[in-house]
C-alpha atoms as a PDB file:
ATOM      1  CA  MET A   1      87.610 130.342 174.159  1.00  0.00           C
ATOM      2  CA  PRO A   2      90.192 132.942 174.457  1.00  0.00           C
ATOM      3  CA  VAL A   3      91.016 134.229 177.769  1.00  0.00           C
ATOM      4  CA  LEU A   4      89.885 138.319 177.696  1.00  0.00           C
ATOM      5  CA  PRO A   5      92.205 141.227 178.341  1.00  0.00           C
ATOM      6  CA  GLN A   6      91.320 143.422 181.488  1.00  0.00           C
ATOM      7  CA  GLY A   7      94.186 145.987 181.248  1.00  0.00           C
ATOM      8  CA  THR A   8      95.055 148.451 178.970  1.00  0.00           C
ATOM      9  CA  THR A   9      93.368 149.985 175.942  1.00  0.00           C
ATOM     10  CA  ARG A  10      96.765 148.361 173.974  1.00  0.00           C
ATOM     11  CA  GLU A  11      96.149 145.144 175.136  1.00  0.00           C
ATOM     12  CA  LYS A  12      92.401 144.909 173.933  1.00  0.00           C
ATOM     13  CA  VAL A  13      93.245 146.478 170.769  1.00  0.00           C
ATOM     14  CA  LYS A  14      95.882 143.494 170.078  1.00  0.00           C
ATOM     15  CA  PHE A  15      93.435 140.904 171.301  1.00  0.00           C
ATOM     16  CA  ILE A  16      90.804 142.266 168.830  1.00  0.00           C
ATOM     17  CA  ASN A  17      93.318 142.445 166.017  1.00  0.00           C
ATOM     18  CA  LEU A  18      94.343 138.484 166.959  1.00  0.00           C
ATOM     19  CA  TYR A  19      90.543 137.530 166.723  1.00  0.00           C
ATOM     20  CA  LYS A  20      88.860 139.863 164.376  1.00  0.00           C
ATOM     21  CA  GLY A  21      88.552 137.222 161.710  1.00  0.00           C
ATOM     22  CA  ASN A  22      86.556 135.121 164.097  1.00  0.00           C
ATOM     23  CA  TYR A  23      84.399 137.494 165.797  1.00  0.00           C
ATOM     24  CA  LYS A  24      82.402 140.433 165.072  1.00  0.00           C
ATOM     25  CA  LEU A  25      84.345 143.573 165.885  1.00  0.00           C
ATOM     26  CA  ILE A  26      81.096 145.205 167.615  1.00  0.00           C
ATOM     27  CA  ASN A  27      80.871 142.189 169.480  1.00  0.00           C
ATOM     28  CA  MET A  28      84.239 142.097 170.900  1.00  0.00           C
ATOM     29  CA  CYS A  29      84.138 145.791 171.602  1.00  0.00           C
ATOM     30  CA  ALA A  30      81.139 145.708 173.637  1.00  0.00           C
ATOM     31  CA  VAL A  31      82.649 142.607 175.998  1.00  0.00           C
ATOM     32  CA  LEU A  32      85.897 144.143 176.124  1.00  0.00           C
ATOM     33  CA  ASN A  33      84.437 147.609 176.906  1.00  0.00           C
ATOM     34  CA  ILE A  34      86.149 149.490 174.386  1.00  0.00           C
ATOM     35  CA  ASN A  35      84.445 152.226 171.907  1.00  0.00           C
ATOM     36  CA  PRO A  36      85.123 150.860 168.091  1.00  0.00           C
ATOM     37  CA  LYS A  37      86.428 154.394 167.601  1.00  0.00           C
ATOM     38  CA  THR A  38      88.954 153.998 170.345  1.00  0.00           C
ATOM     39  CA  TYR A  39      90.044 150.387 168.296  1.00  0.00           C
ATOM     40  CA  TYR A  40      90.229 152.278 164.984  1.00  0.00           C
ATOM     41  CA  LYS A  41      92.363 155.035 166.503  1.00  0.00           C
ATOM     42  CA  TYR A  42      94.794 152.760 168.218  1.00  0.00           C
ATOM     43  CA  ARG A  43      94.719 149.527 165.627  1.00  0.00           C
ATOM     44  CA  ASN A  44      97.742 150.717 163.667  1.00  0.00           C
ATOM     45  CA  LYS A  45      99.281 153.201 165.894  1.00  0.00           C
ATOM     46  CA  GLU A  46     102.406 152.020 168.010  1.00  0.00           C
ATOM     47  CA  ASP A  47     102.637 153.130 171.612  1.00  0.00           C
ATOM     48  CA  PRO A  48     106.262 154.249 172.543  1.00  0.00           C
ATOM     49  CA  ASP A  49     105.612 153.450 176.153  1.00  0.00           C
ATOM     50  CA  TYR A  50     103.967 150.252 175.670  1.00  0.00           C
ATOM     51  CA  TYR A  51     107.205 148.266 176.092  1.00  0.00           C
ATOM     52  CA  ASP A  52     108.320 150.302 179.131  1.00  0.00           C
ATOM     53  CA  TYR A  53     104.834 149.342 180.765  1.00  0.00           C
ATOM     54  CA  LEU A  54     105.402 145.731 180.123  1.00  0.00           C
ATOM     55  CA  ILE A  55     108.745 145.688 181.870  1.00  0.00           C
ATOM     56  CA  ILE A  56     107.464 147.532 184.700  1.00  0.00           C
ATOM     57  CA  LYS A  57     104.228 145.025 184.860  1.00  0.00           C
ATOM     58  CA  GLU A  58     106.538 142.285 184.724  1.00  0.00           C
ATOM     59  CA  ILE A  59     108.520 143.409 187.872  1.00  0.00           C
ATOM     60  CA  PHE A  60     105.608 144.041 189.794  1.00  0.00           C
ATOM     61  CA  ASP A  61     103.473 141.179 188.955  1.00  0.00           C
END
């Protein structure tokens, strides 16, 4: 069983993209508490601040 992300929308979308062949999209969205419309909005969109977020998160974790 994969570990579920508890963080940002971007992390949840990445998780869904990794496992969408194994599980139904609607079920993953429900478990991750993300609206399917939000998933479709973010699925192919690059977040320009995401890499900065990862660096800051690494520093403070």
